[in-house]
Protein backbone atom coordinates (compact mmCIF):
# COMPACT_ATOMS: atom_id res chain seq x y z
CA MET A 1 82.20 140.34 12.34
CA THR A 2 79.47 137.55 12.05
CA ARG A 3 77.11 137.30 9.12
CA GLU A 4 73.74 134.90 9.14
CA LEU A 5 71.98 134.32 5.94
CA PRO A 6 68.60 132.41 5.84
CA THR A 7 68.04 128.47 7.10
CA ARG A 8 65.50 125.99 7.15
CA ASP A 9 65.54 123.34 10.31
CA SER A 10 68.14 122.38 12.76
CA SER A 11 69.68 119.12 14.35
CA SER A 12 72.46 118.17 16.43
CA PRO A 13 74.92 116.48 14.62
CA SER A 14 76.91 113.57 15.67
CA SER A 15 80.07 114.47 13.23
CA LEU A 16 81.58 117.33 11.95
CA ARG A 17 83.58 117.58 8.36
CA VAL A 18 85.90 120.19 8.77
CA LEU A 19 88.15 121.77 6.19
CA SER A 20 91.34 124.50 7.05
CA CYS A 21 92.72 126.23 4.15
CA ASN A 22 95.48 129.00 3.58
CA ILE A 23 93.70 130.73 0.13
CA LEU A 24 96.39 133.24 -0.98
CA ALA A 25 93.41 135.57 -1.70
CA GLY A 26 92.42 133.20 -4.29
CA GLY A 27 96.04 133.12 -5.62
CA GLN A 28 97.51 130.16 -7.11
CA VAL A 29 101.81 129.21 -7.01
CA LYS A 30 102.55 126.13 -8.93
CA ARG A 31 106.52 126.49 -8.54
CA TYR A 32 108.63 128.62 -6.53
CA ARG A 33 109.81 130.94 -9.25
CA GLU A 34 105.95 132.16 -9.60
CA TYR A 35 106.89 133.84 -6.54
CA VAL A 36 108.74 136.48 -8.66
CA THR A 37 108.02 135.33 -12.22
CA GLN A 38 104.23 136.27 -11.47
CA SER A 39 104.51 138.20 -8.59
CA TRP A 40 102.11 140.82 -10.29
CA LYS A 41 99.12 138.23 -9.82
CA HIS A 42 99.48 139.11 -5.96
CA VAL A 43 98.35 142.46 -6.24
CA LEU A 44 95.61 142.24 -9.20
CA PRO A 45 92.55 140.32 -8.85
CA THR A 46 93.09 138.43 -12.13
CA GLY A 47 91.84 134.85 -11.97
CA LYS A 48 91.01 134.94 -8.30
CA ARG A 49 87.21 134.93 -8.72
CA ALA A 50 87.42 131.67 -11.04
CA ASN A 51 89.78 130.27 -8.44
CA LEU A 52 87.17 130.58 -5.63
CA ASN A 53 84.47 129.21 -7.57
CA ASP A 54 86.29 126.25 -8.17
CA LEU A 55 86.94 126.12 -4.38
CA ALA A 56 83.09 127.16 -3.44
CA ASP A 57 82.62 123.64 -5.60
CA VAL A 58 84.49 121.75 -3.03
CA LEU A 59 83.73 123.36 0.29
CA CYS A 60 80.08 122.17 -0.30
CA ASP A 61 80.67 118.99 1.31
CA PHE A 62 82.00 120.38 4.94
CA ASP A 63 80.20 121.57 7.97
CA LEU A 64 83.26 123.83 9.13
CA VAL A 65 85.96 125.77 7.00
CA ALA A 66 88.69 127.55 8.39
CA LEU A 67 90.21 130.13 6.00
CA GLN A 68 93.44 131.84 6.50
CA GLU A 69 94.73 134.72 4.08
CA ALA A 70 90.99 135.31 2.98
CA ASP A 71 91.19 139.16 1.88
CA PHE A 72 88.21 141.05 2.88
CA GLY A 73 88.44 143.75 0.30
CA SER A 74 91.41 145.45 -1.28
CA LEU A 75 92.78 145.52 -5.10
CA ARG A 76 94.06 142.45 -4.85
CA SER A 77 90.54 140.73 -4.64
CA GLY A 78 88.94 143.19 -6.90
CA PHE A 79 87.45 144.77 -3.17
CA LEU A 80 85.94 141.75 -2.81
CA ASN A 81 84.98 140.25 0.73
CA GLN A 82 86.18 136.39 0.11
CA THR A 83 85.25 134.90 3.10
CA GLU A 84 81.30 136.20 2.63
CA TYR A 85 81.76 135.28 -1.08
CA LEU A 86 82.62 131.63 -0.60
CA ALA A 87 79.90 131.59 2.10
CA GLU A 88 77.49 132.51 -0.60
CA ASN A 89 78.49 130.46 -3.27
CA ALA A 90 78.75 127.15 -1.32
CA GLY A 91 75.66 127.64 0.61
CA PHE A 92 76.74 128.17 4.29
CA PRO A 93 74.20 130.09 6.46
CA TYR A 94 76.89 131.12 8.62
CA TRP A 95 79.95 133.36 8.17
CA SER A 96 82.58 135.11 10.81
CA HIS A 97 85.74 137.12 9.70
CA GLN A 98 88.33 138.66 11.61
CA PRO A 99 90.30 141.07 9.66
CA ASN A 100 94.40 141.02 10.56
CA ARG A 101 96.48 143.15 8.44
CA ARG A 102 95.72 145.92 5.63
CA VAL A 103 98.58 146.99 3.11
CA ALA A 104 97.03 150.36 1.85
CA LYS A 105 94.67 149.37 -0.60
CA VAL A 106 96.26 146.51 -2.02
CA ALA A 107 96.17 143.74 0.09
CA ALA A 108 93.36 143.28 3.22
CA SER A 109 94.08 139.67 5.13
CA SER A 110 91.86 138.10 7.47
CA ASN A 111 90.96 134.81 9.24
CA GLY A 112 87.47 133.48 8.24
CA LEU A 113 85.20 130.58 9.49
CA LEU A 114 82.33 129.19 7.48
CA SER A 115 79.50 127.25 9.45
CA ARG A 116 76.34 125.08 8.65
CA ILE A 117 76.18 125.60 12.43
CA LYS A 118 74.80 128.73 14.30
CA PRO A 119 77.61 129.60 16.82
CA ALA A 120 76.39 130.68 20.09
CA GLU A 121 79.37 133.38 20.25
CA VAL A 122 82.40 134.65 18.17
CA LEU A 123 84.90 136.47 19.32
CA ASP A 124 87.86 138.27 17.44
CA TYR A 125 91.59 138.03 19.55
CA PRO A 126 94.55 139.70 18.00
CA LEU A 127 97.78 137.15 19.02
CA PRO A 128 101.04 138.89 20.64
CA GLY A 129 103.90 139.65 18.34
CA ARG A 130 106.09 142.40 17.64
CA ILE A 131 104.97 142.72 14.23
CA ARG A 132 100.96 143.31 14.27
CA GLY A 133 98.61 141.81 11.86
CA ARG A 134 98.09 138.13 13.16
CA GLY A 135 94.91 136.96 15.13
CA VAL A 136 92.78 133.99 16.16
CA LEU A 137 89.14 134.09 15.28
CA PHE A 138 87.39 131.80 18.54
CA ALA A 139 83.53 130.26 17.74
CA ARG A 140 81.78 128.25 20.88
CA TYR A 141 78.89 126.43 19.63
CA GLY A 142 76.46 125.45 22.40
CA SER A 143 77.12 126.52 26.15
CA GLY A 144 79.14 125.83 29.34
CA LYS A 145 80.56 122.67 29.60
CA HIS A 146 78.78 121.02 26.85
CA SER A 147 79.81 123.39 24.45
CA LEU A 148 82.51 123.14 21.12
CA VAL A 149 85.10 126.09 20.72
CA VAL A 150 86.76 126.31 17.53
CA LEU A 151 90.14 128.59 16.90
CA VAL A 152 91.31 129.60 13.69
CA ALA A 153 94.75 130.88 13.85
CA HIS A 154 97.21 131.42 11.22
CA LEU A 155 100.61 131.89 13.09
CA SER A 156 103.86 134.12 12.42
CA LEU A 157 107.07 132.48 10.68
CA GLY A 158 109.43 133.15 13.56
CA PRO A 159 109.46 130.18 16.50
CA GLN A 160 109.78 132.82 19.07
CA ALA A 161 106.94 134.89 18.09
CA ARG A 162 104.76 131.47 17.36
CA ALA A 163 105.67 130.10 21.10
CA HIS A 164 104.37 133.48 22.26
CA GLN A 165 101.03 132.94 20.10
CA LEU A 166 100.64 129.39 21.05
CA GLY A 167 101.06 130.27 24.80
CA TYR A 168 98.40 132.96 24.19
CA ILE A 169 95.98 130.17 22.49
CA THR A 170 96.44 127.76 25.61
CA GLU A 171 95.12 130.53 27.99
CA LEU A 172 91.96 130.96 25.49
CA LEU A 173 91.64 127.29 25.56
CA GLU A 174 91.12 127.06 29.51
CA GLY A 175 88.01 125.72 30.81
CA HIS A 176 86.97 124.14 27.36
CA PRO A 177 87.21 120.45 27.25
CA HIS A 178 85.81 120.00 23.80
CA ALA A 179 88.20 122.20 21.22
CA LEU A 180 89.24 122.64 18.05
CA LEU A 181 92.59 124.56 16.85
CA VAL A 182 92.52 124.43 12.92
CA GLY A 183 94.52 126.72 10.70
CA ASP A 184 98.10 127.60 9.19
CA LEU A 185 100.36 127.21 12.35
CA ASN A 186 103.56 127.18 10.06
CA THR A 187 105.45 124.66 12.28
CA PRO A 188 105.25 120.82 12.66
CA ILE A 189 103.75 119.13 15.27
CA GLU A 190 107.36 118.27 16.72
CA SER A 191 108.56 121.57 16.91
CA PRO A 192 109.31 122.81 20.48
CA GLU A 193 106.08 125.25 20.26
CA LEU A 194 103.83 122.73 19.66
CA ARG A 195 105.27 120.14 21.90
CA ALA A 196 104.42 122.98 24.88
CA LEU A 197 100.86 123.39 23.66
CA PHE A 198 100.16 119.47 24.10
CA ALA A 199 101.84 119.38 26.83
CA ARG A 200 99.44 122.14 28.44
CA THR A 201 96.45 121.70 26.83
CA SER A 202 94.12 118.32 25.90
CA LEU A 203 94.68 118.79 22.24
CA GLN A 204 96.14 115.45 20.48
CA PRO A 205 99.07 115.40 17.97
CA PRO A 206 97.79 113.48 14.94
CA GLU A 207 99.94 110.31 14.50
CA ASN A 208 100.43 111.10 10.71
CA PRO A 209 99.89 114.44 9.81
CA PRO A 210 99.93 114.89 5.90
CA ALA A 211 102.14 117.12 3.98
CA THR A 212 100.54 120.52 3.38
CA PHE A 213 103.39 123.17 1.81
CA PRO A 214 104.63 123.70 -0.92
CA SER A 215 101.62 122.73 -2.77
CA TRP A 216 103.04 121.36 -5.65
CA ALA A 217 105.63 118.97 -4.12
CA PRO A 218 104.42 119.03 -0.10
CA ASN A 219 107.39 118.24 2.27
CA ARG A 220 105.90 120.02 5.24
CA ALA A 221 103.06 119.35 7.87
CA ILE A 222 102.51 123.15 8.44
CA ASP A 223 98.40 123.20 8.42
CA HIS A 224 96.91 121.57 10.85
CA ILE A 225 93.43 120.77 12.34
CA PHE A 226 93.99 119.53 16.20
CA ALA A 227 90.98 117.90 18.42
CA SER A 228 90.79 117.98 22.46
CA SER A 229 91.04 114.17 23.68
CA SER A 230 87.40 114.32 24.01
CA LEU A 231 86.61 114.32 20.08
CA ARG A 232 87.76 111.76 17.54
CA VAL A 233 89.31 112.67 14.59
CA ASP A 234 88.98 110.19 11.63
CA ASP A 235 90.12 110.34 7.74
CA LEU A 236 92.59 113.22 8.04
CA ARG A 237 93.86 114.17 4.68
CA THR A 238 94.67 116.64 2.32
CA LEU A 239 92.57 117.69 -1.08
CA PRO A 240 94.21 118.41 -4.32
CA GLN A 241 95.19 122.20 -5.08
CA LEU A 242 92.52 124.71 -6.27
CA VAL A 243 94.31 127.97 -4.70
CA SER A 244 97.13 129.04 -2.77
CA ASP A 245 100.40 127.24 -2.17
CA HIS A 246 98.75 125.50 0.28
CA LEU A 247 96.89 122.03 0.33
CA PRO A 248 93.78 122.12 2.24
CA ILE A 249 93.83 119.80 5.02
CA ALA A 250 90.42 117.93 6.03
CA ALA A 251 89.09 115.81 8.60
CA THR A 252 85.79 114.02 10.01
CA ILE A 253 85.15 115.08 13.95
CA HIS A 254 83.47 112.66 15.85
CA LEU A 255 81.50 114.63 18.87
CA PRO A 256 80.51 113.27 22.09
CA ALA A 257 76.80 112.64 22.65
CA THR A 258 76.73 115.66 25.56
CA LEU A 259 77.02 117.97 22.86
CA ARG A 260 74.22 119.85 21.59
CA MET A 261 74.49 122.34 18.56
CA GLU A 262 72.28 123.64 15.97
CA GLN A 263 72.61 122.75 12.34
CA SER A 264 71.86 123.70 9.01
CA ALA A 265 69.32 120.84 7.46
CA SER A 266 70.10 122.86 3.96
CA ASN A 267 72.18 124.91 2.18
CA ALA A 268 71.76 129.02 2.41
CA GLY A 269 69.58 130.95 0.60
CA THR A 270 66.76 127.88 -0.43
CA GLU A 271 63.98 130.03 1.02
């Protein structure tokens, strides 16, 4: 699903400020024992809207924001579509979300994409796996060989399932020389499944990927922003924890001059 909010002018950017964040439905975990001692917070909306408001203040500085574990309307979010809420409060003119897994009325998880650039196409793809509920959100900006594709994914915990899912993503990337893969991939860059991805696509592994998990003492780099060799990545970094048990990961992506994309010149809702 893609929604559009009012905009003014547009221009073609030479770089994009990109952020990826597993938002844990607006919840927050600060130590391992809280998964048990504060488990009730994961099924109730208490405090989550305030956390999202703090996050929205940070998102204003970015052009593209990829979300994972964004609730699209259940008990734990107060029946709020969190992707839409963040888009409106951070002034993004375009937002898309991909519902992936619903657990009765208690939880409803999705991938999301907030954008200051108008996508030419947004597609939803379910990812393979023995347990359903994983997907990749595919957005294309521009047309033909001069387009940029952005894939937002939240992969499985098991290495065999991840390998199948990354194989599927490899197929989606065929014929797209300018691409970004962002999200919670649940594995470090030295894993066999990511090494296979890099070998079969033009996506490049970062030299020093920052650790993103757990957010209170990060020691694993499992959230990623991967760019094809035609794009240049600068300032790859994490941001302080505002929500979740993952740290947000951010980068500046420099685009080749051949790419032509529309970009909002101001925040949404100004007119």
